[in-house]
């Protein structure tokens, strides 16, 4: 399935903004991405397998909070990183 990567994580995804992921749940897809791009998952998910506060995960058009949410090959996942500054 297609996974859109936010620009702050491009250094992990070899500067790719869209990558292919595999899995039956959001967590499995993120684990698959981490196998392809070591270190990327830790930037999105904390030690308790919770989405970090500055990150959002969307499945198609719905924001996902539960990493055990099922996915299909035809789904699209979008990772969004919050911007901050002053």
PDB file of N, CA and C in Angstrom:
ATOM      1  N   UNK A   1       0.840  -1.181   0.000  1.00  0.00           N
ATOM      2  CA  UNK A   1       0.000   0.000   0.000  1.00  0.00           C
ATOM      3  C   UNK A   1       0.880   1.238   0.000  1.00  0.00           C
ATOM      4  N   UNK A   2       0.303   2.317  -0.434  1.00  0.00           N
ATOM      5  CA  UNK A   2       1.022   3.579  -0.560  1.00  0.00           C
ATOM      6  C   UNK A   2       1.047   4.301   0.791  1.00  0.00           C
ATOM      7  N   UNK A   3       2.245   4.756   1.190  1.00  0.00           N
ATOM      8  CA  UNK A   3       2.415   5.506   2.438  1.00  0.00           C
ATOM      9  C   UNK A   3       3.094   6.823   2.090  1.00  0.00           C
ATOM     10  N   UNK A   4       2.438   7.928   2.441  1.00  0.00           N
ATOM     11  CA  UNK A   4       3.004   9.263   2.202  1.00  0.00           C
ATOM     12  C   UNK A   4       3.813   9.663   3.428  1.00  0.00           C
ATOM     13  N   UNK A   5       5.045  10.049   3.204  1.00  0.00           N
ATOM     14  CA  UNK A   5       5.995  10.396   4.268  1.00  0.00           C
ATOM     15  C   UNK A   5       6.128  11.913   4.349  1.00  0.00           C
ATOM     16  N   UNK A   6       6.096  12.485   5.568  1.00  0.00           N
ATOM     17  CA  UNK A   6       6.265  13.943   5.685  1.00  0.00           C
ATOM     18  C   UNK A   6       7.724  14.346   5.465  1.00  0.00           C
ATOM     19  N   UNK A   7       7.921  15.547   4.981  1.00  0.00           N
ATOM     20  CA  UNK A   7       9.272  16.017   4.655  1.00  0.00           C
ATOM     21  C   UNK A   7      10.262  15.947   5.825  1.00  0.00           C
ATOM     22  N   UNK A   8       9.852  16.148   7.105  1.00  0.00           N
ATOM     23  CA  UNK A   8      10.852  16.017   8.173  1.00  0.00           C
ATOM     24  C   UNK A   8      11.457  14.614   8.288  1.00  0.00           C
ATOM     25  N   UNK A   9      10.828  13.612   7.666  1.00  0.00           N
ATOM     26  CA  UNK A   9      11.342  12.246   7.739  1.00  0.00           C
ATOM     27  C   UNK A   9      12.013  11.796   6.438  1.00  0.00           C
ATOM     28  N   UNK A  10      12.174  12.712   5.491  1.00  0.00           N
ATOM     29  CA  UNK A  10      12.791  12.355   4.217  1.00  0.00           C
ATOM     30  C   UNK A  10      14.205  11.798   4.397  1.00  0.00           C
ATOM     31  N   UNK A  11      14.926  12.246   5.410  1.00  0.00           N
ATOM     32  CA  UNK A  11      16.283  11.740   5.611  1.00  0.00           C
ATOM     33  C   UNK A  11      16.277  10.248   5.936  1.00  0.00           C
ATOM     34  N   UNK A  12      15.161   9.743   6.463  1.00  0.00           N
ATOM     35  CA  UNK A  12      15.028   8.312   6.738  1.00  0.00           C
ATOM     36  C   UNK A  12      14.532   7.551   5.512  1.00  0.00           C
ATOM     37  N   UNK A  13      13.702   8.191   4.692  1.00  0.00           N
ATOM     38  CA  UNK A  13      13.066   7.507   3.557  1.00  0.00           C
ATOM     39  C   UNK A  13      13.838   7.698   2.247  1.00  0.00           C
ATOM     40  N   UNK A  14      15.114   8.037   2.360  1.00  0.00           N
ATOM     41  CA  UNK A  14      15.953   8.249   1.171  1.00  0.00           C
ATOM     42  C   UNK A  14      15.367   9.326   0.264  1.00  0.00           C
ATOM     43  N   UNK A  15      14.799  10.359   0.901  1.00  0.00           N
ATOM     44  CA  UNK A  15      14.197  11.506   0.215  1.00  0.00           C
ATOM     45  C   UNK A  15      12.971  11.158  -0.613  1.00  0.00           C
ATOM     46  N   UNK A  16      12.340  10.040  -0.311  1.00  0.00           N
ATOM     47  CA  UNK A  16      11.102   9.658  -0.999  1.00  0.00           C
ATOM     48  C   UNK A  16       9.914  10.181  -0.205  1.00  0.00           C
ATOM     49  N   UNK A  17       8.945  10.788  -0.890  1.00  0.00           N
ATOM     50  CA  UNK A  17       7.761  11.273  -0.173  1.00  0.00           C
ATOM     51  C   UNK A  17       6.625  10.260  -0.207  1.00  0.00           C
ATOM     52  N   UNK A  18       6.705   9.261  -1.084  1.00  0.00           N
ATOM     53  CA  UNK A  18       5.736   8.170  -1.119  1.00  0.00           C
ATOM     54  C   UNK A  18       6.508   6.868  -1.228  1.00  0.00           C
ATOM     55  N   UNK A  19       6.174   5.926  -0.333  1.00  0.00           N
ATOM     56  CA  UNK A  19       6.831   4.617  -0.322  1.00  0.00           C
ATOM     57  C   UNK A  19       5.769   3.531  -0.277  1.00  0.00           C
ATOM     58  N   UNK A  20       6.171   2.311  -0.523  1.00  0.00           N
ATOM     59  CA  UNK A  20       5.262   1.169  -0.437  1.00  0.00           C
ATOM     60  C   UNK A  20       5.476   0.475   0.898  1.00  0.00           C
ATOM     61  N   UNK A  21       4.360   0.199   1.594  1.00  0.00           N
ATOM     62  CA  UNK A  21       4.414  -0.518   2.848  1.00  0.00           C
ATOM     63  C   UNK A  21       3.559  -1.767   2.770  1.00  0.00           C
ATOM     64  N   UNK A  22       3.841  -2.720   3.660  1.00  0.00           N
ATOM     65  CA  UNK A  22       3.076  -3.956   3.705  1.00  0.00           C
ATOM     66  C   UNK A  22       2.683  -4.256   5.131  1.00  0.00           C
ATOM     67  N   UNK A  23       1.510  -4.872   5.297  1.00  0.00           N
ATOM     68  CA  UNK A  23       1.040  -5.286   6.605  1.00  0.00           C
ATOM     69  C   UNK A  23      -0.471  -5.338   6.634  1.00  0.00           C
ATOM     70  N   UNK A  24      -0.984  -5.918   7.709  1.00  0.00           N
ATOM     71  CA  UNK A  24      -2.438  -6.038   7.889  1.00  0.00           C
ATOM     72  C   UNK A  24      -2.996  -5.010   8.859  1.00  0.00           C
ATOM     73  N   UNK A  25      -2.107  -4.324   9.595  1.00  0.00           N
ATOM     74  CA  UNK A  25      -2.512  -3.260  10.518  1.00  0.00           C
ATOM     75  C   UNK A  25      -1.571  -2.073  10.320  1.00  0.00           C
ATOM     76  N   UNK A  26      -1.964  -0.940  10.865  1.00  0.00           N
ATOM     77  CA  UNK A  26      -1.090   0.249  10.799  1.00  0.00           C
ATOM     78  C   UNK A  26       0.268  -0.072  11.423  1.00  0.00           C
ATOM     79  N   UNK A  27       0.277  -0.733  12.586  1.00  0.00           N
ATOM     80  CA  UNK A  27       1.544  -1.050  13.248  1.00  0.00           C
ATOM     81  C   UNK A  27       2.409  -1.957  12.387  1.00  0.00           C
ATOM     82  N   UNK A  28       1.813  -2.954  11.745  1.00  0.00           N
ATOM     83  CA  UNK A  28       2.583  -3.832  10.870  1.00  0.00           C
ATOM     84  C   UNK A  28       3.184  -3.054   9.697  1.00  0.00           C
ATOM     85  N   UNK A  29       2.433  -2.119   9.162  1.00  0.00           N
ATOM     86  CA  UNK A  29       2.951  -1.294   8.064  1.00  0.00           C
ATOM     87  C   UNK A  29       4.125  -0.444   8.561  1.00  0.00           C
ATOM     88  N   UNK A  30       3.988   0.154   9.743  1.00  0.00           N
ATOM     89  CA  UNK A  30       5.080   0.969  10.285  1.00  0.00           C
ATOM     90  C   UNK A  30       6.305   0.110  10.584  1.00  0.00           C
ATOM     91  N   UNK A  31       6.093  -1.122  11.064  1.00  0.00           N
ATOM     92  CA  UNK A  31       7.223  -2.033  11.274  1.00  0.00           C
ATOM     93  C   UNK A  31       7.893  -2.366   9.949  1.00  0.00           C
ATOM     94  N   UNK A  32       7.098  -2.568   8.907  1.00  0.00           N
ATOM     95  CA  UNK A  32       7.632  -2.839   7.579  1.00  0.00           C
ATOM     96  C   UNK A  32       8.452  -1.648   7.073  1.00  0.00           C
ATOM     97  N   UNK A  33       7.933  -0.439   7.298  1.00  0.00           N
ATOM     98  CA  UNK A  33       8.687   0.758   6.893  1.00  0.00           C
ATOM     99  C   UNK A  33      10.007   0.841   7.635  1.00  0.00           C
ATOM    100  N   UNK A  34       9.991   0.469   8.923  1.00  0.00           N
ATOM    101  CA  UNK A  34      11.212   0.521   9.715  1.00  0.00           C
ATOM    102  C   UNK A  34      12.233  -0.500   9.219  1.00  0.00           C
ATOM    103  N   UNK A  35      11.764  -1.622   8.696  1.00  0.00           N
ATOM    104  CA  UNK A  35      12.680  -2.600   8.090  1.00  0.00           C
ATOM    105  C   UNK A  35      13.318  -2.028   6.828  1.00  0.00           C
ATOM    106  N   UNK A  36      12.536  -1.288   6.058  1.00  0.00           N
ATOM    107  CA  UNK A  36      13.040  -0.680   4.828  1.00  0.00           C
ATOM    108  C   UNK A  36      13.909   0.539   5.091  1.00  0.00           C
ATOM    109  N   UNK A  37      13.500   1.311   6.106  1.00  0.00           N
ATOM    110  CA  UNK A  37      14.141   2.596   6.412  1.00  0.00           C
ATOM    111  C   UNK A  37      14.428   2.656   7.910  1.00  0.00           C
ATOM    112  N   UNK A  38      15.498   2.013   8.371  1.00  0.00           N
ATOM    113  CA  UNK A  38      15.783   1.911   9.807  1.00  0.00           C
ATOM    114  C   UNK A  38      15.730   3.257  10.531  1.00  0.00           C
ATOM    115  N   UNK A  39      15.010   3.261  11.659  1.00  0.00           N
ATOM    116  CA  UNK A  39      14.899   4.441  12.503  1.00  0.00           C
ATOM    117  C   UNK A  39      13.666   5.280  12.257  1.00  0.00           C
ATOM    118  N   UNK A  40      12.960   5.054  11.153  1.00  0.00           N
ATOM    119  CA  UNK A  40      11.819   5.912  10.826  1.00  0.00           C
ATOM    120  C   UNK A  40      10.659   5.723  11.813  1.00  0.00           C
ATOM    121  N   UNK A  41      10.431   4.495  12.249  1.00  0.00           N
ATOM    122  CA  UNK A  41       9.288   4.219  13.141  1.00  0.00           C
ATOM    123  C   UNK A  41       9.431   4.973  14.463  1.00  0.00           C
ATOM    124  N   UNK A  42      10.644   5.002  15.014  1.00  0.00           N
ATOM    125  CA  UNK A  42      10.854   5.664  16.308  1.00  0.00           C
ATOM    126  C   UNK A  42      10.532   7.149  16.241  1.00  0.00           C
ATOM    127  N   UNK A  43      10.632   7.748  15.084  1.00  0.00           N
ATOM    128  CA  UNK A  43      10.286   9.165  14.928  1.00  0.00           C
ATOM    129  C   UNK A  43       8.775   9.382  14.941  1.00  0.00           C
ATOM    130  N   UNK A  44       8.009   8.311  14.693  1.00  0.00           N
ATOM    131  CA  UNK A  44       6.548   8.413  14.647  1.00  0.00           C
ATOM    132  C   UNK A  44       5.867   7.811  15.868  1.00  0.00           C
ATOM    133  N   UNK A  45       6.483   6.763  16.434  1.00  0.00           N
ATOM    134  CA  UNK A  45       5.872   5.974  17.500  1.00  0.00           C
ATOM    135  C   UNK A  45       6.813   5.940  18.701  1.00  0.00           C
ATOM    136  N   UNK A  46       6.245   6.099  19.920  1.00  0.00           N
ATOM    137  CA  UNK A  46       7.092   6.079  21.112  1.00  0.00           C
ATOM    138  C   UNK A  46       7.312   4.647  21.619  1.00  0.00           C
ATOM    139  N   UNK A  47       7.967   4.525  22.764  1.00  0.00           N
ATOM    140  CA  UNK A  47       8.320   3.224  23.330  1.00  0.00           C
ATOM    141  C   UNK A  47       7.103   2.412  23.763  1.00  0.00           C
ATOM    142  N   UNK A  48       5.965   3.043  23.959  1.00  0.00           N
ATOM    143  CA  UNK A  48       4.727   2.363  24.342  1.00  0.00           C
ATOM    144  C   UNK A  48       3.827   2.081  23.134  1.00  0.00           C
ATOM    145  N   UNK A  49       4.392   2.178  21.937  1.00  0.00           N
ATOM    146  CA  UNK A  49       3.642   1.992  20.686  1.00  0.00           C
ATOM    147  C   UNK A  49       2.453   2.946  20.587  1.00  0.00           C
ATOM    148  N   UNK A  50       2.670   4.179  20.978  1.00  0.00           N
ATOM    149  CA  UNK A  50       1.684   5.253  20.838  1.00  0.00           C
ATOM    150  C   UNK A  50       2.206   6.253  19.809  1.00  0.00           C
ATOM    151  N   UNK A  51       1.290   6.810  19.047  1.00  0.00           N
ATOM    152  CA  UNK A  51       1.676   7.827  18.068  1.00  0.00           C
ATOM    153  C   UNK A  51       2.180   9.051  18.816  1.00  0.00           C
ATOM    154  N   UNK A  52       3.328   9.536  18.427  1.00  0.00           N
ATOM    155  CA  UNK A  52       3.907  10.711  19.105  1.00  0.00           C
ATOM    156  C   UNK A  52       2.979  11.921  18.945  1.00  0.00           C
ATOM    157  N   UNK A  53       2.969  12.814  19.954  1.00  0.00           N
ATOM    158  CA  UNK A  53       2.035  13.949  19.931  1.00  0.00           C
ATOM    159  C   UNK A  53       2.155  14.854  18.712  1.00  0.00           C
ATOM    160  N   UNK A  54       3.334  14.963  18.143  1.00  0.00           N
ATOM    161  CA  UNK A  54       3.543  15.856  16.999  1.00  0.00           C
ATOM    162  C   UNK A  54       3.306  15.166  15.651  1.00  0.00           C
ATOM    163  N   UNK A  55       2.824  13.923  15.701  1.00  0.00           N
ATOM    164  CA  UNK A  55       2.577  13.167  14.473  1.00  0.00           C
ATOM    165  C   UNK A  55       1.085  12.825  14.351  1.00  0.00           C
ATOM    166  N   UNK A  56       0.606  12.754  13.132  1.00  0.00           N
ATOM    167  CA  UNK A  56      -0.765  12.314  12.834  1.00  0.00           C
ATOM    168  C   UNK A  56      -0.660  11.221  11.779  1.00  0.00           C
ATOM    169  N   UNK A  57      -1.535  10.223  11.899  1.00  0.00           N
ATOM    170  CA  UNK A  57      -1.582   9.136  10.924  1.00  0.00           C
ATOM    171  C   UNK A  57      -2.994   9.080  10.367  1.00  0.00           C
ATOM    172  N   UNK A  58      -3.093   9.128   9.055  1.00  0.00           N
ATOM    173  CA  UNK A  58      -4.387   9.058   8.387  1.00  0.00           C
ATOM    174  C   UNK A  58      -4.450   7.800   7.545  1.00  0.00           C
ATOM    175  N   UNK A  59      -5.585   7.114   7.631  1.00  0.00           N
ATOM    176  CA  UNK A  59      -5.881   5.973   6.772  1.00  0.00           C
ATOM    177  C   UNK A  59      -6.950   6.446   5.810  1.00  0.00           C
ATOM    178  N   UNK A  60      -6.578   6.569   4.554  1.00  0.00           N
ATOM    179  CA  UNK A  60      -7.431   7.200   3.547  1.00  0.00           C
ATOM    180  C   UNK A  60      -7.729   8.616   4.027  1.00  0.00           C
ATOM    181  N   UNK A  61      -8.923   8.943   4.489  1.00  0.00           N
ATOM    182  CA  UNK A  61      -9.204  10.311   4.947  1.00  0.00           C
ATOM    183  C   UNK A  61      -9.451  10.404   6.453  1.00  0.00           C
ATOM    184  N   UNK A  62      -9.327   9.276   7.163  1.00  0.00           N
ATOM    185  CA  UNK A  62      -9.635   9.249   8.598  1.00  0.00           C
ATOM    186  C   UNK A  62      -8.372   9.236   9.445  1.00  0.00           C
ATOM    187  N   UNK A  63      -8.349  10.102  10.469  1.00  0.00           N
ATOM    188  CA  UNK A  63      -7.223  10.083  11.397  1.00  0.00           C
ATOM    189  C   UNK A  63      -7.301   8.814  12.241  1.00  0.00           C
ATOM    190  N   UNK A  64      -6.160   8.167  12.427  1.00  0.00           N
ATOM    191  CA  UNK A  64      -6.070   6.916  13.165  1.00  0.00           C
ATOM    192  C   UNK A  64      -5.353   7.163  14.486  1.00  0.00           C
ATOM    193  N   UNK A  65      -5.922   6.656  15.569  1.00  0.00           N
ATOM    194  CA  UNK A  65      -5.275   6.713  16.883  1.00  0.00           C
ATOM    195  C   UNK A  65      -4.816   5.333  17.331  1.00  0.00           C
ATOM    196  N   UNK A  66      -5.474   4.290  16.815  1.00  0.00           N
ATOM    197  CA  UNK A  66      -5.235   2.913  17.231  1.00  0.00           C
ATOM    198  C   UNK A  66      -4.365   2.212  16.178  1.00  0.00           C
ATOM    199  N   UNK A  67      -3.162   1.838  16.572  1.00  0.00           N
ATOM    200  CA  UNK A  67      -2.233   1.222  15.630  1.00  0.00           C
ATOM    201  C   UNK A  67      -2.648  -0.177  15.211  1.00  0.00           C
ATOM    202  N   UNK A  68      -3.630  -0.768  15.897  1.00  0.00           N
ATOM    203  CA  UNK A  68      -4.107  -2.098  15.503  1.00  0.00           C
ATOM    204  C   UNK A  68      -5.193  -2.015  14.432  1.00  0.00           C
ATOM    205  N   UNK A  69      -5.476  -0.817  13.935  1.00  0.00           N
ATOM    206  CA  UNK A  69      -6.464  -0.638  12.869  1.00  0.00           C
ATOM    207  C   UNK A  69      -6.062  -1.440  11.642  1.00  0.00           C
ATOM    208  N   UNK A  70      -7.005  -2.203  11.115  1.00  0.00           N
ATOM    209  CA  UNK A  70      -6.754  -3.036   9.929  1.00  0.00           C
ATOM    210  C   UNK A  70      -6.614  -2.178   8.682  1.00  0.00           C
ATOM    211  N   UNK A  71      -5.774  -2.653   7.768  1.00  0.00           N
ATOM    212  CA  UNK A  71      -5.583  -1.978   6.487  1.00  0.00           C
ATOM    213  C   UNK A  71      -5.665  -3.004   5.361  1.00  0.00           C
ATOM    214  N   UNK A  72      -5.959  -2.492   4.162  1.00  0.00           N
ATOM    215  CA  UNK A  72      -5.998  -3.314   2.946  1.00  0.00           C
ATOM    216  C   UNK A  72      -4.944  -2.787   1.981  1.00  0.00           C
ATOM    217  N   UNK A  73      -4.565  -3.613   1.029  1.00  0.00           N
ATOM    218  CA  UNK A  73      -3.560  -3.207   0.049  1.00  0.00           C
ATOM    219  C   UNK A  73      -3.975  -1.971  -0.738  1.00  0.00           C
ATOM    220  N   UNK A  74      -5.274  -1.774  -0.905  1.00  0.00           N
ATOM    221  CA  UNK A  74      -5.757  -0.628  -1.685  1.00  0.00           C
ATOM    222  C   UNK A  74      -5.815   0.667  -0.871  1.00  0.00           C
ATOM    223  N   UNK A  75      -5.580   0.587   0.452  1.00  0.00           N
ATOM    224  CA  UNK A  75      -5.621   1.780   1.298  1.00  0.00           C
ATOM    225  C   UNK A  75      -4.412   2.665   1.065  1.00  0.00           C
ATOM    226  N   UNK A  76      -4.568   3.916   1.465  1.00  0.00           N
ATOM    227  CA  UNK A  76      -3.465   4.875   1.451  1.00  0.00           C
ATOM    228  C   UNK A  76      -3.285   5.393   2.869  1.00  0.00           C
ATOM    229  N   UNK A  77      -2.037   5.445   3.294  1.00  0.00           N
ATOM    230  CA  UNK A  77      -1.686   5.948   4.626  1.00  0.00           C
ATOM    231  C   UNK A  77      -0.906   7.236   4.434  1.00  0.00           C
ATOM    232  N   UNK A  78      -1.249   8.242   5.214  1.00  0.00           N
ATOM    233  CA  UNK A  78      -0.516   9.500   5.163  1.00  0.00           C
ATOM    234  C   UNK A  78      -0.024   9.825   6.572  1.00  0.00           C
ATOM    235  N   UNK A  79       1.271  10.061   6.693  1.00  0.00           N
ATOM    236  CA  UNK A  79       1.874  10.476   7.950  1.00  0.00           C
ATOM    237  C   UNK A  79       2.071  11.992   7.857  1.00  0.00           C
ATOM    238  N   UNK A  80       1.645  12.693   8.901  1.00  0.00           N
ATOM    239  CA  UNK A  80       1.761  14.153   8.920  1.00  0.00           C
ATOM    240  C   UNK A  80       2.529  14.558  10.163  1.00  0.00           C
ATOM    241  N   UNK A  81       3.504  15.425   9.995  1.00  0.00           N
ATOM    242  CA  UNK A  81       4.291  15.952  11.126  1.00  0.00           C
ATOM    243  C   UNK A  81       3.862  17.383  11.378  1.00  0.00           C
ATOM    244  N   UNK A  82       3.569  17.682  12.626  1.00  0.00           N
ATOM    245  CA  UNK A  82       3.195  19.047  12.996  1.00  0.00           C
ATOM    246  C   UNK A  82       4.396  19.964  12.885  1.00  0.00           C
ATOM    247  N   UNK A  83       4.134  21.179  12.478  1.00  0.00           N
ATOM    248  CA  UNK A  83       5.185  22.193  12.401  1.00  0.00           C
ATOM    249  C   UNK A  83       5.076  23.101  13.603  1.00  0.00           C
ATOM    250  N   UNK A  84       6.214  23.572  14.075  1.00  0.00           N
ATOM    251  CA  UNK A  84       6.202  24.511  15.185  1.00  0.00           C
ATOM    252  C   UNK A  84       7.236  25.584  14.927  1.00  0.00           C
ATOM    253  N   UNK A  85       7.113  26.623  15.635  1.00  0.00           N
ATOM    254  CA  UNK A  85       8.066  27.720  15.466  1.00  0.00           C
ATOM    255  C   UNK A  85       7.481  28.994  16.037  1.00  0.00           C
ATOM    256  N   UNK A  86       8.236  30.012  15.946  1.00  0.00           N
ATOM    257  CA  UNK A  86       7.733  31.250  16.525  1.00  0.00           C
ATOM    258  C   UNK A  86       8.346  32.448  15.891  1.00  0.00           C
TER     259      UNK A  86
END
